[in-house]
Amino acid sequence: MAQINPSILSADFARLADEARAVEGADWLHVDVMDNHFVPNLTLGVPIVESLRKATGIPLDCHLMIEDPDRWAPQYVEAGAGSVTFHVEAAAAPVRLAREIRAKGARASMALKPATPIEPYEDLLSELDMVLIMTVEPGFGGQAFLDIMLPKIRRTRDLVARHGLDVWVQVDGGVSASTVERCAEAGADVFVAGSAVYGAEDPAAAVRGLREQAAAAAKGAAWACGH
């Protein structure tokens, strides 16, 4: 089933509680955490996640674009995140970290920057609940979708299927009405959308529209047969 995760990076930071309510019906609320070290941008941290948890019933999907996620990721679970994504390029001990996130009660996810291949991490997939394929360089919202990531999405889905795992494949970056179908056909089932949702006149309707597009595209995809 296609899941749409609106990214609050594209929301009005002065009205985050209202912006969260504007996308009621979304599957998850995507929270981009950036430290101005791993990526050249500084966004929000644990206190904002704690506040959002109180302001919305939508589960929080925290994407940590930070150095030393081994140290900080568990705090986001404690703050109320239902899913925590760490970048494999930054993690010192990704298996141990994934197990710690899961042990604290959240879903564990591993993110890959565009230039990072999935194949070296095949053996880690069984430790994960989701893999995030970045379809732009992480750091800023509003970037154009990188078509060259579509084969990587396919390879990731193939690896998940080969091992018989129930691992979601998420895409983040440039996801919109014009790109979501290609991502779904390639094997993605979780879609982070920022400006495509929060730039719409009716964000909740935009969520529903993207979900319908992705679901329809996935139905005809080879990977989804029997999924």
C-alpha atoms as a PDB file:
ATOM      1  CA  MET A   1       0.000   0.000   0.000  1.00  0.00           C
ATOM      2  CA  ALA A   2       1.321   3.420  -0.948  1.00  0.00           C
ATOM      3  CA  GLN A   3       2.087   5.706   1.971  1.00  0.00           C
ATOM      4  CA  ILE A   4       2.492   9.482   1.750  1.00  0.00           C
ATOM      5  CA  ASN A   5       4.670  11.279   4.294  1.00  0.00           C
ATOM      6  CA  PRO A   6       4.398  15.098   4.039  1.00  0.00           C
ATOM      7  CA  SER A   7       7.678  16.805   4.931  1.00  0.00           C
ATOM      8  CA  ILE A   8       7.355  19.644   7.409  1.00  0.00           C
ATOM      9  CA  LEU A   9      10.587  21.079   5.993  1.00  0.00           C
ATOM     10  CA  SER A  10       8.262  22.692   3.437  1.00  0.00           C
ATOM     11  CA  ALA A  11       5.752  23.867   6.052  1.00  0.00           C
ATOM     12  CA  ASP A  12       5.510  27.212   7.826  1.00  0.00           C
ATOM     13  CA  PHE A  13       7.765  26.773  10.858  1.00  0.00           C
ATOM     14  CA  ALA A  14       5.863  29.478  12.747  1.00  0.00           C
ATOM     15  CA  ARG A  15       2.678  27.382  12.500  1.00  0.00           C
ATOM     16  CA  LEU A  16       3.881  23.789  12.807  1.00  0.00           C
ATOM     17  CA  ALA A  17       0.917  22.531  14.850  1.00  0.00           C
ATOM     18  CA  ASP A  18      -1.519  23.984  12.298  1.00  0.00           C
ATOM     19  CA  GLU A  19       0.570  22.638   9.422  1.00  0.00           C
ATOM     20  CA  ALA A  20       0.500  19.154  10.952  1.00  0.00           C
ATOM     21  CA  ARG A  21      -3.295  19.352  11.242  1.00  0.00           C
ATOM     22  CA  ALA A  22      -3.501  20.472   7.606  1.00  0.00           C
ATOM     23  CA  VAL A  23      -2.347  17.031   6.435  1.00  0.00           C
ATOM     24  CA  GLU A  24      -4.628  14.867   8.572  1.00  0.00           C
ATOM     25  CA  GLY A  25      -5.021  11.596   6.719  1.00  0.00           C
ATOM     26  CA  ALA A  26      -1.315  11.363   5.882  1.00  0.00           C
ATOM     27  CA  ASP A  27       0.353   8.092   6.825  1.00  0.00           C
ATOM     28  CA  TRP A  28       3.323   9.676   8.582  1.00  0.00           C
ATOM     29  CA  LEU A  29       4.647  13.192   9.144  1.00  0.00           C
ATOM     30  CA  HIS A  30       8.231  13.413   7.879  1.00  0.00           C
ATOM     31  CA  VAL A  31      10.554  15.431  10.121  1.00  0.00           C
ATOM     32  CA  ASP A  32      13.913  16.447   8.603  1.00  0.00           C
ATOM     33  CA  VAL A  33      16.615  16.897  11.251  1.00  0.00           C
ATOM     34  CA  MET A  34      19.774  18.612   9.950  1.00  0.00           C
ATOM     35  CA  ASP A  35      22.813  19.649  11.967  1.00  0.00           C
ATOM     36  CA  ASN A  36      24.731  21.904   9.508  1.00  0.00           C
ATOM     37  CA  HIS A  37      27.582  19.378   9.595  1.00  0.00           C
ATOM     38  CA  PHE A  38      26.442  16.242   7.755  1.00  0.00           C
ATOM     39  CA  VAL A  39      24.455  18.511   5.431  1.00  0.00           C
ATOM     40  CA  PRO A  40      24.788  22.279   4.865  1.00  0.00           C
ATOM     41  CA  ASN A  41      21.562  23.242   6.597  1.00  0.00           C
ATOM     42  CA  LEU A  42      20.280  23.584  10.156  1.00  0.00           C
ATOM     43  CA  THR A  43      16.675  22.720  10.936  1.00  0.00           C
ATOM     44  CA  LEU A  44      15.145  21.364  14.129  1.00  0.00           C
ATOM     45  CA  GLY A  45      15.819  18.910  16.916  1.00  0.00           C
ATOM     46  CA  VAL A  46      14.431  16.896  19.818  1.00  0.00           C
ATOM     47  CA  PRO A  47      12.304  19.671  21.437  1.00  0.00           C
ATOM     48  CA  ILE A  48      10.367  20.273  18.203  1.00  0.00           C
ATOM     49  CA  VAL A  49       9.740  16.537  17.816  1.00  0.00           C
ATOM     50  CA  GLU A  50       8.411  16.414  21.385  1.00  0.00           C
ATOM     51  CA  SER A  51       6.083  19.351  20.631  1.00  0.00           C
ATOM     52  CA  LEU A  52       4.858  17.849  17.366  1.00  0.00           C
ATOM     53  CA  ARG A  53       4.110  14.556  19.108  1.00  0.00           C
ATOM     54  CA  LYS A  54       1.691  16.445  21.373  1.00  0.00           C
ATOM     55  CA  ALA A  55       0.164  18.433  18.509  1.00  0.00           C
ATOM     56  CA  THR A  56      -0.740  15.642  16.077  1.00  0.00           C
ATOM     57  CA  GLY A  57      -1.916  12.058  16.023  1.00  0.00           C
ATOM     58  CA  ILE A  58       0.001  11.375  12.809  1.00  0.00           C
ATOM     59  CA  PRO A  59       3.035   9.184  13.598  1.00  0.00           C
ATOM     60  CA  LEU A  60       6.381  10.925  13.201  1.00  0.00           C
ATOM     61  CA  ASP A  61       8.999   9.743  10.718  1.00  0.00           C
ATOM     62  CA  CYS A  62      12.296  11.397  11.728  1.00  0.00           C
ATOM     63  CA  HIS A  63      15.024  11.569   9.087  1.00  0.00           C
ATOM     64  CA  LEU A  64      18.346  12.329  10.783  1.00  0.00           C
ATOM     65  CA  MET A  65      20.773  14.081   8.437  1.00  0.00           C
ATOM     66  CA  ILE A  66      23.298  14.460  11.213  1.00  0.00           C
ATOM     67  CA  GLU A  67      26.741  13.384  12.303  1.00  0.00           C
ATOM     68  CA  ASP A  68      26.988  10.767  15.063  1.00  0.00           C
ATOM     69  CA  PRO A  69      23.470   9.292  14.744  1.00  0.00           C
ATOM     70  CA  ASP A  70      24.678   6.434  16.984  1.00  0.00           C
ATOM     71  CA  ARG A  71      24.605   8.924  19.844  1.00  0.00           C
ATOM     72  CA  TRP A  72      21.527  10.973  18.983  1.00  0.00           C
ATOM     73  CA  ALA A  73      19.038   8.663  17.242  1.00  0.00           C
ATOM     74  CA  PRO A  74      17.738   6.974  20.440  1.00  0.00           C
ATOM     75  CA  GLN A  75      16.732  10.388  21.807  1.00  0.00           C
ATOM     76  CA  TYR A  76      14.343  10.866  18.895  1.00  0.00           C
ATOM     77  CA  VAL A  77      12.574   7.628  19.770  1.00  0.00           C
ATOM     78  CA  GLU A  78      12.253   8.853  23.346  1.00  0.00           C
ATOM     79  CA  ALA A  79      10.900  12.175  22.017  1.00  0.00           C
ATOM     80  CA  GLY A  80       8.056  10.332  20.293  1.00  0.00           C
ATOM     81  CA  ALA A  81       9.237   9.312  16.817  1.00  0.00           C
ATOM     82  CA  GLY A  82       7.597   6.166  15.475  1.00  0.00           C
ATOM     83  CA  SER A  83      10.291   5.719  12.829  1.00  0.00           C
ATOM     84  CA  VAL A  84      13.896   6.918  12.923  1.00  0.00           C
ATOM     85  CA  THR A  85      16.102   7.036   9.837  1.00  0.00           C
ATOM     86  CA  PHE A  86      19.885   7.322  10.102  1.00  0.00           C
ATOM     87  CA  HIS A  87      22.305   7.821   7.237  1.00  0.00           C
ATOM     88  CA  VAL A  88      24.563   4.824   6.720  1.00  0.00           C
ATOM     89  CA  GLU A  89      27.332   7.225   5.632  1.00  0.00           C
ATOM     90  CA  ALA A  90      27.310   8.730   9.146  1.00  0.00           C
ATOM     91  CA  ALA A  91      26.646   5.697  11.353  1.00  0.00           C
ATOM     92  CA  ALA A  92      29.616   4.057  13.062  1.00  0.00           C
ATOM     93  CA  ALA A  93      27.745   0.845  13.907  1.00  0.00           C
ATOM     94  CA  PRO A  94      24.555   0.669  11.808  1.00  0.00           C
ATOM     95  CA  VAL A  95      23.459  -2.802  12.932  1.00  0.00           C
ATOM     96  CA  ARG A  96      23.813  -1.939  16.601  1.00  0.00           C
ATOM     97  CA  LEU A  97      22.027   1.371  16.026  1.00  0.00           C
ATOM     98  CA  ALA A  98      19.127  -0.241  14.143  1.00  0.00           C
ATOM     99  CA  ARG A  99      18.707  -2.773  16.941  1.00  0.00           C
ATOM    100  CA  GLU A 100      18.729  -0.034  19.571  1.00  0.00           C
ATOM    101  CA  ILE A 101      16.076   1.970  17.717  1.00  0.00           C
ATOM    102  CA  ARG A 102      13.893  -1.121  17.439  1.00  0.00           C
ATOM    103  CA  ALA A 103      14.477  -2.089  21.070  1.00  0.00           C
ATOM    104  CA  LYS A 104      13.175   1.323  22.121  1.00  0.00           C
ATOM    105  CA  GLY A 105       9.973   0.707  20.184  1.00  0.00           C
ATOM    106  CA  ALA A 106      10.414   2.540  16.859  1.00  0.00           C
ATOM    107  CA  ARG A 107      10.890   1.389  13.289  1.00  0.00           C
ATOM    108  CA  ALA A 108      14.525   1.500  12.166  1.00  0.00           C
ATOM    109  CA  SER A 109      15.395   2.924   8.760  1.00  0.00           C
ATOM    110  CA  MET A 110      18.646   3.426   6.852  1.00  0.00           C
ATOM    111  CA  ALA A 111      19.097   6.268   4.358  1.00  0.00           C
ATOM    112  CA  LEU A 112      21.428   6.366   1.358  1.00  0.00           C
ATOM    113  CA  LYS A 113      22.647   9.542  -0.335  1.00  0.00           C
ATOM    114  CA  PRO A 114      22.427   9.510  -4.153  1.00  0.00           C
ATOM    115  CA  ALA A 115      26.043   8.382  -4.668  1.00  0.00           C
ATOM    116  CA  THR A 116      25.855   5.572  -2.079  1.00  0.00           C
ATOM    117  CA  PRO A 117      25.056   2.140  -3.595  1.00  0.00           C
ATOM    118  CA  ILE A 118      22.671  -0.261  -1.851  1.00  0.00           C
ATOM    119  CA  GLU A 119      24.581  -3.466  -2.631  1.00  0.00           C
ATOM    120  CA  PRO A 120      27.279  -3.216   0.101  1.00  0.00           C
ATOM    121  CA  TYR A 121      24.482  -3.082   2.699  1.00  0.00           C
ATOM    122  CA  GLU A 122      22.499  -6.100   1.512  1.00  0.00           C
ATOM    123  CA  ASP A 123      23.279  -8.016   4.698  1.00  0.00           C
ATOM    124  CA  LEU A 124      21.893  -5.169   6.838  1.00  0.00           C
ATOM    125  CA  LEU A 125      18.419  -5.292   5.317  1.00  0.00           C
ATOM    126  CA  SER A 126      17.118  -7.882   7.770  1.00  0.00           C
ATOM    127  CA  GLU A 127      17.908  -5.459  10.606  1.00  0.00           C
ATOM    128  CA  LEU A 128      15.746  -2.721   9.089  1.00  0.00           C
ATOM    129  CA  ASP A 129      12.096  -1.804   8.683  1.00  0.00           C
ATOM    130  CA  MET A 130      12.701   0.670   5.853  1.00  0.00           C
ATOM    131  CA  VAL A 131      15.362   1.862   3.411  1.00  0.00           C
ATOM    132  CA  LEU A 132      15.313   5.493   2.280  1.00  0.00           C
ATOM    133  CA  ILE A 133      16.657   6.195  -1.188  1.00  0.00           C
ATOM    134  CA  MET A 134      17.432   9.911  -1.458  1.00  0.00           C
ATOM    135  CA  THR A 135      16.326  11.183  -4.856  1.00  0.00           C
ATOM    136  CA  VAL A 136      18.074  14.541  -4.323  1.00  0.00           C
ATOM    137  CA  GLU A 137      21.198  15.497  -2.428  1.00  0.00           C
ATOM    138  CA  PRO A 138      20.104  15.871   1.206  1.00  0.00           C
ATOM    139  CA  GLY A 139      20.111  19.301   2.771  1.00  0.00           C
ATOM    140  CA  PHE A 140      17.424  21.450   1.189  1.00  0.00           C
ATOM    141  CA  GLY A 141      13.809  21.088   0.085  1.00  0.00           C
ATOM    142  CA  GLY A 142      12.463  22.023  -3.327  1.00  0.00           C
ATOM    143  CA  GLN A 143      15.179  20.308  -5.386  1.00  0.00           C
ATOM    144  CA  ALA A 144      14.532  18.604  -8.725  1.00  0.00           C
ATOM    145  CA  PHE A 145      14.046  14.836  -8.736  1.00  0.00           C
ATOM    146  CA  LEU A 146      17.084  12.827  -9.890  1.00  0.00           C
ATOM    147  CA  ASP A 147      15.877  10.328 -12.507  1.00  0.00           C
ATOM    148  CA  ILE A 148      19.149   8.405 -12.246  1.00  0.00           C
ATOM    149  CA  MET A 149      17.980   7.098  -8.858  1.00  0.00           C
ATOM    150  CA  LEU A 150      15.202   4.985 -10.401  1.00  0.00           C
ATOM    151  CA  PRO A 151      17.488   1.982 -11.115  1.00  0.00           C
ATOM    152  CA  LYS A 152      18.717   2.130  -7.514  1.00  0.00           C
ATOM    153  CA  ILE A 153      15.120   2.002  -6.276  1.00  0.00           C
ATOM    154  CA  ARG A 154      14.588  -1.089  -8.446  1.00  0.00           C
ATOM    155  CA  ARG A 155      17.748  -2.774  -7.167  1.00  0.00           C
ATOM    156  CA  THR A 156      16.744  -2.080  -3.580  1.00  0.00           C
ATOM    157  CA  ARG A 157      13.270  -3.554  -4.126  1.00  0.00           C
ATOM    158  CA  ASP A 158      14.846  -6.598  -5.796  1.00  0.00           C
ATOM    159  CA  LEU A 159      17.143  -7.190  -2.812  1.00  0.00           C
ATOM    160  CA  VAL A 160      14.248  -6.884  -0.377  1.00  0.00           C
ATOM    161  CA  ALA A 161      12.218  -9.389  -2.422  1.00  0.00           C
ATOM    162  CA  ARG A 162      15.152 -11.764  -2.837  1.00  0.00           C
ATOM    163  CA  HIS A 163      15.460 -12.107   0.929  1.00  0.00           C
ATOM    164  CA  GLY A 164      11.713 -12.266   1.494  1.00  0.00           C
ATOM    165  CA  LEU A 165      11.749  -9.245   3.799  1.00  0.00           C
ATOM    166  CA  ASP A 166       8.955  -6.892   4.803  1.00  0.00           C
ATOM    167  CA  VAL A 167      11.065  -3.759   4.374  1.00  0.00           C
ATOM    168  CA  TRP A 168       9.515  -0.557   3.075  1.00  0.00           C
ATOM    169  CA  VAL A 169      11.323   1.370   0.329  1.00  0.00           C
ATOM    170  CA  GLN A 170      11.013   5.123   0.833  1.00  0.00           C
ATOM    171  CA  VAL A 171      11.940   7.901  -1.576  1.00  0.00           C
ATOM    172  CA  ASP A 172      12.612  11.499  -0.588  1.00  0.00           C
ATOM    173  CA  GLY A 173      13.366  14.437  -2.859  1.00  0.00           C
ATOM    174  CA  GLY A 174      11.451  15.998  -5.705  1.00  0.00           C
ATOM    175  CA  VAL A 175       8.442  13.712  -5.208  1.00  0.00           C
ATOM    176  CA  SER A 176       5.401  15.247  -6.910  1.00  0.00           C
ATOM    177  CA  ALA A 177       2.464  14.394  -9.149  1.00  0.00           C
ATOM    178  CA  SER A 178       4.890  14.205 -12.079  1.00  0.00           C
ATOM    179  CA  THR A 179       7.404  11.828 -10.426  1.00  0.00           C
ATOM    180  CA  VAL A 180       5.511   9.697  -7.894  1.00  0.00           C
ATOM    181  CA  GLU A 181       4.292   7.164 -10.473  1.00  0.00           C
ATOM    182  CA  ARG A 182       7.809   6.447 -11.749  1.00  0.00           C
ATOM    183  CA  CYS A 183       8.991   5.895  -8.185  1.00  0.00           C
ATOM    184  CA  ALA A 184       6.114   3.522  -7.469  1.00  0.00           C
ATOM    185  CA  GLU A 185       6.727   1.561 -10.661  1.00  0.00           C
ATOM    186  CA  ALA A 186      10.398   1.219  -9.705  1.00  0.00           C
ATOM    187  CA  GLY A 187       9.560  -0.246  -6.293  1.00  0.00           C
ATOM    188  CA  ALA A 188       8.990   2.527  -3.779  1.00  0.00           C
ATOM    189  CA  ASP A 189       6.003   2.238  -1.461  1.00  0.00           C
ATOM    190  CA  VAL A 190       6.619   5.188   0.898  1.00  0.00           C
ATOM    191  CA  PHE A 191       6.838   8.709  -0.542  1.00  0.00           C
ATOM    192  CA  VAL A 192       8.101  11.856   1.173  1.00  0.00           C
ATOM    193  CA  ALA A 193       6.548  14.947  -0.398  1.00  0.00           C
ATOM    194  CA  GLY A 194       7.310  18.475   0.725  1.00  0.00           C
ATOM    195  CA  SER A 195       6.443  21.343  -1.585  1.00  0.00           C
ATOM    196  CA  ALA A 196       4.061  19.096  -3.566  1.00  0.00           C
ATOM    197  CA  VAL A 197       1.902  18.920  -0.428  1.00  0.00           C
ATOM    198  CA  TYR A 198       2.537  22.135   1.476  1.00  0.00           C
ATOM    199  CA  GLY A 199       2.664  24.216  -1.694  1.00  0.00           C
ATOM    200  CA  ALA A 200      -0.813  23.004  -2.666  1.00  0.00           C
ATOM    201  CA  GLU A 201      -3.980  24.960  -1.988  1.00  0.00           C
ATOM    202  CA  ASP A 202      -5.379  21.946  -0.111  1.00  0.00           C
ATOM    203  CA  PRO A 203      -2.523  19.917   1.449  1.00  0.00           C
ATOM    204  CA  ALA A 204      -4.779  17.065   2.591  1.00  0.00           C
ATOM    205  CA  ALA A 205      -6.207  16.700  -0.918  1.00  0.00           C
ATOM    206  CA  ALA A 206      -2.665  16.694  -2.308  1.00  0.00           C
ATOM    207  CA  VAL A 207      -1.803  13.802   0.010  1.00  0.00           C
ATOM    208  CA  ARG A 208      -4.821  11.827  -1.200  1.00  0.00           C
ATOM    209  CA  GLY A 209      -4.012  12.553  -4.841  1.00  0.00           C
ATOM    210  CA  LEU A 210      -0.397  11.428  -4.546  1.00  0.00           C
ATOM    211  CA  ARG A 211      -1.446   8.260  -2.722  1.00  0.00           C
ATOM    212  CA  GLU A 212      -3.956   7.391  -5.444  1.00  0.00           C
ATOM    213  CA  GLN A 213      -1.376   7.997  -8.184  1.00  0.00           C
ATOM    214  CA  ALA A 214       1.246   5.851  -6.445  1.00  0.00           C
ATOM    215  CA  ALA A 215      -1.180   3.031  -5.689  1.00  0.00           C
ATOM    216  CA  ALA A 216      -2.409   2.916  -9.288  1.00  0.00           C
ATOM    217  CA  ALA A 217       1.143   2.873 -10.653  1.00  0.00           C
ATOM    218  CA  ALA A 218       2.228   0.137  -8.242  1.00  0.00           C
ATOM    219  CA  LYS A 219      -0.666  -2.121  -9.262  1.00  0.00           C
ATOM    220  CA  GLY A 220       0.810  -2.552 -12.704  1.00  0.00           C
ATOM    221  CA  ALA A 221       4.405  -2.897 -11.526  1.00  0.00           C
ATOM    222  CA  ALA A 222       6.176  -6.234 -11.727  1.00  0.00           C
ATOM    223  CA  TRP A 223       7.496  -5.973  -8.157  1.00  0.00           C
ATOM    224  CA  ALA A 224       4.005  -5.571  -6.701  1.00  0.00           C
ATOM    225  CA  CYS A 225       2.598  -8.793  -8.112  1.00  0.00           C
ATOM    226  CA  GLY A 226       1.838 -10.939  -5.096  1.00  0.00           C
ATOM    227  CA  HIS A 227       3.240  -8.239  -2.772  1.00  0.00           C
END
